[in-house]
């Protein structure tokens, strides 16, 4: 006979959260974790946008045609 406990709660999958996916199987704690993770990802994305905007502005200034 196996030592597996058939009554134990299933272990959470280590899957990546997919926006638009079914939320009904997530606990409140898991939902809060996903919110925290998504907020951190938004900050990371905004920093990347800001960095690229700075590079773009510098490139535009460097290659701007002279008005003479």
PDB file of N, CA and C in Angstrom:
ATOM      1  N   UNK A   1       0.837  -1.184   0.000  1.00  0.00           N
ATOM      2  CA  UNK A   1       0.000   0.000   0.000  1.00  0.00           C
ATOM      3  C   UNK A   1       0.878   1.243   0.000  1.00  0.00           C
ATOM      4  N   UNK A   2       0.447   2.253  -0.689  1.00  0.00           N
ATOM      5  CA  UNK A   2       1.210   3.484  -0.828  1.00  0.00           C
ATOM      6  C   UNK A   2       1.084   4.337   0.433  1.00  0.00           C
ATOM      7  N   UNK A   3       2.123   5.122   0.710  1.00  0.00           N
ATOM      8  CA  UNK A   3       2.114   6.031   1.852  1.00  0.00           C
ATOM      9  C   UNK A   3       1.448   7.367   1.521  1.00  0.00           C
ATOM     10  N   UNK A   4       1.018   7.547   0.288  1.00  0.00           N
ATOM     11  CA  UNK A   4       0.388   8.808  -0.112  1.00  0.00           C
ATOM     12  C   UNK A   4      -0.920   9.007   0.641  1.00  0.00           C
ATOM     13  N   UNK A   5      -1.116  10.192   1.134  1.00  0.00           N
ATOM     14  CA  UNK A   5      -2.352  10.529   1.825  1.00  0.00           C
ATOM     15  C   UNK A   5      -3.352  11.032   0.786  1.00  0.00           C
ATOM     16  N   UNK A   6      -4.358  10.224   0.501  1.00  0.00           N
ATOM     17  CA  UNK A   6      -5.320  10.618  -0.530  1.00  0.00           C
ATOM     18  C   UNK A   6      -6.233  11.744  -0.066  1.00  0.00           C
ATOM     19  N   UNK A   7      -6.236  12.038   1.225  1.00  0.00           N
ATOM     20  CA  UNK A   7      -7.093  13.092   1.762  1.00  0.00           C
ATOM     21  C   UNK A   7      -6.351  14.418   1.922  1.00  0.00           C
ATOM     22  N   UNK A   8      -5.075  14.416   1.641  1.00  0.00           N
ATOM     23  CA  UNK A   8      -4.299  15.653   1.772  1.00  0.00           C
ATOM     24  C   UNK A   8      -4.727  16.643   0.691  1.00  0.00           C
ATOM     25  N   UNK A   9      -4.661  17.912   1.035  1.00  0.00           N
ATOM     26  CA  UNK A   9      -5.000  18.948   0.059  1.00  0.00           C
ATOM     27  C   UNK A   9      -3.987  18.910  -1.076  1.00  0.00           C
ATOM     28  N   UNK A  10      -4.448  19.112  -2.285  1.00  0.00           N
ATOM     29  CA  UNK A  10      -3.506  19.112  -3.403  1.00  0.00           C
ATOM     30  C   UNK A  10      -2.514  20.254  -3.272  1.00  0.00           C
ATOM     31  N   UNK A  11      -1.294  20.005  -3.694  1.00  0.00           N
ATOM     32  CA  UNK A  11      -0.268  21.040  -3.644  1.00  0.00           C
ATOM     33  C   UNK A  11      -0.540  22.043  -4.750  1.00  0.00           C
ATOM     34  N   UNK A  12      -0.267  23.296  -4.441  1.00  0.00           N
ATOM     35  CA  UNK A  12      -0.479  24.348  -5.431  1.00  0.00           C
ATOM     36  C   UNK A  12       0.475  24.158  -6.596  1.00  0.00           C
ATOM     37  N   UNK A  13      -0.042  24.348  -7.764  1.00  0.00           N
ATOM     38  CA  UNK A  13       0.796  24.252  -8.957  1.00  0.00           C
ATOM     39  C   UNK A  13       1.732  25.447  -8.998  1.00  0.00           C
ATOM     40  N   UNK A  14       2.908  25.238  -9.513  1.00  0.00           N
ATOM     41  CA  UNK A  14       3.871  26.331  -9.602  1.00  0.00           C
ATOM     42  C   UNK A  14       3.752  27.029 -10.952  1.00  0.00           C
ATOM     43  N   UNK A  15       2.536  27.072 -11.466  1.00  0.00           N
ATOM     44  CA  UNK A  15       2.297  27.693 -12.760  1.00  0.00           C
ATOM     45  C   UNK A  15       2.356  29.211 -12.635  1.00  0.00           C
ATOM     46  N   UNK A  16       2.651  29.826 -13.720  1.00  0.00           N
ATOM     47  CA  UNK A  16       2.679  31.280 -13.784  1.00  0.00           C
ATOM     48  C   UNK A  16       1.253  31.781 -13.940  1.00  0.00           C
ATOM     49  N   UNK A  17       0.929  32.832 -13.233  1.00  0.00           N
ATOM     50  CA  UNK A  17      -0.400  33.425 -13.323  1.00  0.00           C
ATOM     51  C   UNK A  17      -0.616  33.968 -14.726  1.00  0.00           C
ATOM     52  N   UNK A  18      -1.784  33.699 -15.271  1.00  0.00           N
ATOM     53  CA  UNK A  18      -2.130  34.182 -16.605  1.00  0.00           C
ATOM     54  C   UNK A  18      -3.299  35.150 -16.470  1.00  0.00           C
ATOM     55  N   UNK A  19      -3.096  36.423 -16.839  1.00  0.00           N
ATOM     56  CA  UNK A  19      -4.211  37.367 -16.771  1.00  0.00           C
ATOM     57  C   UNK A  19      -5.412  36.849 -17.557  1.00  0.00           C
ATOM     58  N   UNK A  20      -6.582  37.001 -16.980  1.00  0.00           N
ATOM     59  CA  UNK A  20      -7.801  36.529 -17.614  1.00  0.00           C
ATOM     60  C   UNK A  20      -8.147  35.089 -17.286  1.00  0.00           C
ATOM     61  N   UNK A  21      -7.271  34.422 -16.532  1.00  0.00           N
ATOM     62  CA  UNK A  21      -7.526  33.023 -16.188  1.00  0.00           C
ATOM     63  C   UNK A  21      -8.575  32.913 -15.079  1.00  0.00           C
ATOM     64  N   UNK A  22      -9.075  31.714 -14.877  1.00  0.00           N
ATOM     65  CA  UNK A  22     -10.089  31.435 -13.858  1.00  0.00           C
ATOM     66  C   UNK A  22      -9.500  31.672 -12.470  1.00  0.00           C
ATOM     67  N   UNK A  23     -10.132  32.519 -11.696  1.00  0.00           N
ATOM     68  CA  UNK A  23      -9.643  32.855 -10.357  1.00  0.00           C
ATOM     69  C   UNK A  23     -10.320  32.049  -9.259  1.00  0.00           C
ATOM     70  N   UNK A  24     -11.325  31.282  -9.610  1.00  0.00           N
ATOM     71  CA  UNK A  24     -12.135  30.603  -8.603  1.00  0.00           C
ATOM     72  C   UNK A  24     -11.356  29.566  -7.799  1.00  0.00           C
ATOM     73  N   UNK A  25     -10.268  29.068  -8.328  1.00  0.00           N
ATOM     74  CA  UNK A  25      -9.506  28.039  -7.614  1.00  0.00           C
ATOM     75  C   UNK A  25      -8.414  28.616  -6.721  1.00  0.00           C
ATOM     76  N   UNK A  26      -8.234  29.926  -6.757  1.00  0.00           N
ATOM     77  CA  UNK A  26      -7.196  30.552  -5.943  1.00  0.00           C
ATOM     78  C   UNK A  26      -7.767  30.999  -4.600  1.00  0.00           C
ATOM     79  N   UNK A  27      -6.967  30.839  -3.557  1.00  0.00           N
ATOM     80  CA  UNK A  27      -7.373  31.303  -2.228  1.00  0.00           C
ATOM     81  C   UNK A  27      -7.179  32.813  -2.147  1.00  0.00           C
ATOM     82  N   UNK A  28      -7.700  33.411  -1.093  1.00  0.00           N
ATOM     83  CA  UNK A  28      -7.519  34.846  -0.883  1.00  0.00           C
ATOM     84  C   UNK A  28      -6.032  35.164  -0.770  1.00  0.00           C
ATOM     85  N   UNK A  29      -5.287  34.349  -0.059  1.00  0.00           N
ATOM     86  CA  UNK A  29      -3.843  34.573   0.084  1.00  0.00           C
ATOM     87  C   UNK A  29      -3.145  34.496  -1.270  1.00  0.00           C
ATOM     88  N   UNK A  30      -3.549  33.536  -2.096  1.00  0.00           N
ATOM     89  CA  UNK A  30      -2.949  33.409  -3.429  1.00  0.00           C
ATOM     90  C   UNK A  30      -3.305  34.610  -4.300  1.00  0.00           C
ATOM     91  N   UNK A  31      -4.535  35.090  -4.181  1.00  0.00           N
ATOM     92  CA  UNK A  31      -4.937  36.278  -4.935  1.00  0.00           C
ATOM     93  C   UNK A  31      -4.126  37.497  -4.497  1.00  0.00           C
ATOM     94  N   UNK A  32      -3.922  37.638  -3.185  1.00  0.00           N
ATOM     95  CA  UNK A  32      -3.122  38.753  -2.679  1.00  0.00           C
ATOM     96  C   UNK A  32      -1.679  38.652  -3.166  1.00  0.00           C
ATOM     97  N   UNK A  33      -1.151  37.445  -3.199  1.00  0.00           N
ATOM     98  CA  UNK A  33       0.206  37.233  -3.707  1.00  0.00           C
ATOM     99  C   UNK A  33       0.286  37.628  -5.174  1.00  0.00           C
ATOM    100  N   UNK A  34      -0.712  37.251  -5.945  1.00  0.00           N
ATOM    101  CA  UNK A  34      -0.725  37.605  -7.369  1.00  0.00           C
ATOM    102  C   UNK A  34      -0.801  39.115  -7.557  1.00  0.00           C
ATOM    103  N   UNK A  35      -1.589  39.798  -6.736  1.00  0.00           N
ATOM    104  CA  UNK A  35      -1.665  41.259  -6.813  1.00  0.00           C
ATOM    105  C   UNK A  35      -0.299  41.865  -6.533  1.00  0.00           C
ATOM    106  N   UNK A  36       0.364  41.395  -5.490  1.00  0.00           N
ATOM    107  CA  UNK A  36       1.695  41.889  -5.153  1.00  0.00           C
ATOM    108  C   UNK A  36       2.669  41.646  -6.294  1.00  0.00           C
ATOM    109  N   UNK A  37       2.628  40.448  -6.861  1.00  0.00           N
ATOM    110  CA  UNK A  37       3.521  40.116  -7.977  1.00  0.00           C
ATOM    111  C   UNK A  37       3.240  40.993  -9.196  1.00  0.00           C
ATOM    112  N   UNK A  38       1.964  41.207  -9.492  1.00  0.00           N
ATOM    113  CA  UNK A  38       1.609  42.031 -10.648  1.00  0.00           C
ATOM    114  C   UNK A  38       1.989  43.498 -10.431  1.00  0.00           C
ATOM    115  N   UNK A  39       1.834  43.994  -9.204  1.00  0.00           N
ATOM    116  CA  UNK A  39       2.242  45.370  -8.917  1.00  0.00           C
ATOM    117  C   UNK A  39       3.753  45.531  -9.092  1.00  0.00           C
ATOM    118  N   UNK A  40       4.515  44.545  -8.646  1.00  0.00           N
ATOM    119  CA  UNK A  40       5.968  44.579  -8.823  1.00  0.00           C
ATOM    120  C   UNK A  40       6.319  44.535 -10.307  1.00  0.00           C
ATOM    121  N   UNK A  41       5.580  43.760 -11.073  1.00  0.00           N
ATOM    122  CA  UNK A  41       5.830  43.670 -12.508  1.00  0.00           C
ATOM    123  C   UNK A  41       5.499  44.988 -13.202  1.00  0.00           C
ATOM    124  N   UNK A  42       4.445  45.661 -12.766  1.00  0.00           N
ATOM    125  CA  UNK A  42       4.104  46.970 -13.326  1.00  0.00           C
ATOM    126  C   UNK A  42       5.235  47.959 -13.076  1.00  0.00           C
ATOM    127  N   UNK A  43       5.782  47.957 -11.875  1.00  0.00           N
ATOM    128  CA  UNK A  43       6.906  48.843 -11.546  1.00  0.00           C
ATOM    129  C   UNK A  43       8.096  48.525 -12.447  1.00  0.00           C
ATOM    130  N   UNK A  44       8.387  47.249 -12.634  1.00  0.00           N
ATOM    131  CA  UNK A  44       9.507  46.838 -13.488  1.00  0.00           C
ATOM    132  C   UNK A  44       9.292  47.291 -14.932  1.00  0.00           C
ATOM    133  N   UNK A  45       8.079  47.127 -15.431  1.00  0.00           N
ATOM    134  CA  UNK A  45       7.766  47.547 -16.795  1.00  0.00           C
ATOM    135  C   UNK A  45       7.866  49.063 -16.943  1.00  0.00           C
ATOM    136  N   UNK A  46       7.387  49.799 -15.943  1.00  0.00           N
ATOM    137  CA  UNK A  46       7.456  51.259 -16.005  1.00  0.00           C
ATOM    138  C   UNK A  46       8.902  51.738 -15.998  1.00  0.00           C
ATOM    139  N   UNK A  47       9.751  51.093 -15.213  1.00  0.00           N
ATOM    140  CA  UNK A  47      11.178  51.456 -15.200  1.00  0.00           C
ATOM    141  C   UNK A  47      11.809  51.215 -16.565  1.00  0.00           C
ATOM    142  N   UNK A  48      11.435  50.135 -17.215  1.00  0.00           N
ATOM    143  CA  UNK A  48      11.964  49.842 -18.549  1.00  0.00           C
ATOM    144  C   UNK A  48      11.487  50.887 -19.555  1.00  0.00           C
ATOM    145  N   UNK A  49      10.223  51.274 -19.465  1.00  0.00           N
ATOM    146  CA  UNK A  49       9.701  52.331 -20.344  1.00  0.00           C
ATOM    147  C   UNK A  49      10.458  53.630 -20.105  1.00  0.00           C
ATOM    148  N   UNK A  50      10.662  53.983 -18.844  1.00  0.00           N
ATOM    149  CA  UNK A  50      11.382  55.211 -18.504  1.00  0.00           C
ATOM    150  C   UNK A  50      12.808  55.173 -19.041  1.00  0.00           C
ATOM    151  N   UNK A  51      13.473  54.031 -18.897  1.00  0.00           N
ATOM    152  CA  UNK A  51      14.847  53.895 -19.388  1.00  0.00           C
ATOM    153  C   UNK A  51      14.891  54.042 -20.904  1.00  0.00           C
ATOM    154  N   UNK A  52      13.957  53.425 -21.575  1.00  0.00           N
ATOM    155  CA  UNK A  52      13.929  53.511 -23.039  1.00  0.00           C
ATOM    156  C   UNK A  52      13.564  54.916 -23.503  1.00  0.00           C
ATOM    157  N   UNK A  53      12.709  55.583 -22.774  1.00  0.00           N
ATOM    158  CA  UNK A  53      12.334  56.951 -23.130  1.00  0.00           C
ATOM    159  C   UNK A  53      13.532  57.875 -23.015  1.00  0.00           C
ATOM    160  N   UNK A  54      14.352  57.666 -21.995  1.00  0.00           N
ATOM    161  CA  UNK A  54      15.560  58.465 -21.821  1.00  0.00           C
ATOM    162  C   UNK A  54      16.547  58.240 -22.945  1.00  0.00           C
ATOM    163  N   UNK A  55      16.707  57.007 -23.351  1.00  0.00           N
ATOM    164  CA  UNK A  55      17.605  56.675 -24.459  1.00  0.00           C
ATOM    165  C   UNK A  55      17.067  57.290 -25.744  1.00  0.00           C
ATOM    166  N   UNK A  56      15.769  57.198 -25.945  1.00  0.00           N
ATOM    167  CA  UNK A  56      15.146  57.752 -27.156  1.00  0.00           C
ATOM    168  C   UNK A  56      15.334  59.261 -27.209  1.00  0.00           C
ATOM    169  N   UNK A  57      15.128  59.941 -26.090  1.00  0.00           N
ATOM    170  CA  UNK A  57      15.284  61.394 -26.054  1.00  0.00           C
ATOM    171  C   UNK A  57      16.725  61.786 -26.365  1.00  0.00           C
ATOM    172  N   UNK A  58      17.680  61.042 -25.821  1.00  0.00           N
ATOM    173  CA  UNK A  58      19.090  61.322 -26.090  1.00  0.00           C
ATOM    174  C   UNK A  58      19.412  61.097 -27.566  1.00  0.00           C
ATOM    175  N   UNK A  59      18.888  60.030 -28.136  1.00  0.00           N
ATOM    176  CA  UNK A  59      19.122  59.747 -29.553  1.00  0.00           C
ATOM    177  C   UNK A  59      18.475  60.818 -30.428  1.00  0.00           C
ATOM    178  N   UNK A  60      17.271  61.217 -30.087  1.00  0.00           N
ATOM    179  CA  UNK A  60      16.595  62.264 -30.858  1.00  0.00           C
ATOM    180  C   UNK A  60      17.385  63.569 -30.814  1.00  0.00           C
ATOM    181  N   UNK A  61      17.914  63.916 -29.646  1.00  0.00           N
ATOM    182  CA  UNK A  61      18.696  65.142 -29.512  1.00  0.00           C
ATOM    183  C   UNK A  61      19.991  65.049 -30.312  1.00  0.00           C
ATOM    184  N   UNK A  62      20.596  63.892 -30.331  1.00  0.00           N
ATOM    185  CA  UNK A  62      21.862  63.706 -31.042  1.00  0.00           C
ATOM    186  C   UNK A  62      21.665  63.771 -32.554  1.00  0.00           C
ATOM    187  N   UNK A  63      20.604  63.197 -33.036  1.00  0.00           N
ATOM    188  CA  UNK A  63      20.395  63.106 -34.478  1.00  0.00           C
ATOM    189  C   UNK A  63      19.388  64.124 -35.018  1.00  0.00           C
ATOM    190  N   UNK A  64      19.020  65.082 -34.196  1.00  0.00           N
ATOM    191  CA  UNK A  64      18.064  66.102 -34.628  1.00  0.00           C
ATOM    192  C   UNK A  64      18.706  66.937 -35.734  1.00  0.00           C
ATOM    193  N   UNK A  65      18.004  67.101 -36.850  1.00  0.00           N
ATOM    194  CA  UNK A  65      18.576  67.910 -37.938  1.00  0.00           C
ATOM    195  C   UNK A  65      18.763  69.359 -37.486  1.00  0.00           C
ATOM    196  N   UNK A  66      19.853  69.946 -37.917  1.00  0.00           N
ATOM    197  CA  UNK A  66      20.096  71.343 -37.545  1.00  0.00           C
ATOM    198  C   UNK A  66      19.141  72.235 -38.319  1.00  0.00           C
ATOM    199  N   UNK A  67      18.749  73.329 -37.715  1.00  0.00           N
ATOM    200  CA  UNK A  67      17.785  74.234 -38.337  1.00  0.00           C
ATOM    201  C   UNK A  67      18.467  75.270 -39.223  1.00  0.00           C
ATOM    202  N   UNK A  68      19.774  75.192 -39.421  1.00  0.00           N
ATOM    203  CA  UNK A  68      20.501  76.167 -40.235  1.00  0.00           C
ATOM    204  C   UNK A  68      20.346  75.893 -41.693  1.00  0.00           C
TER     205      UNK A  68
END
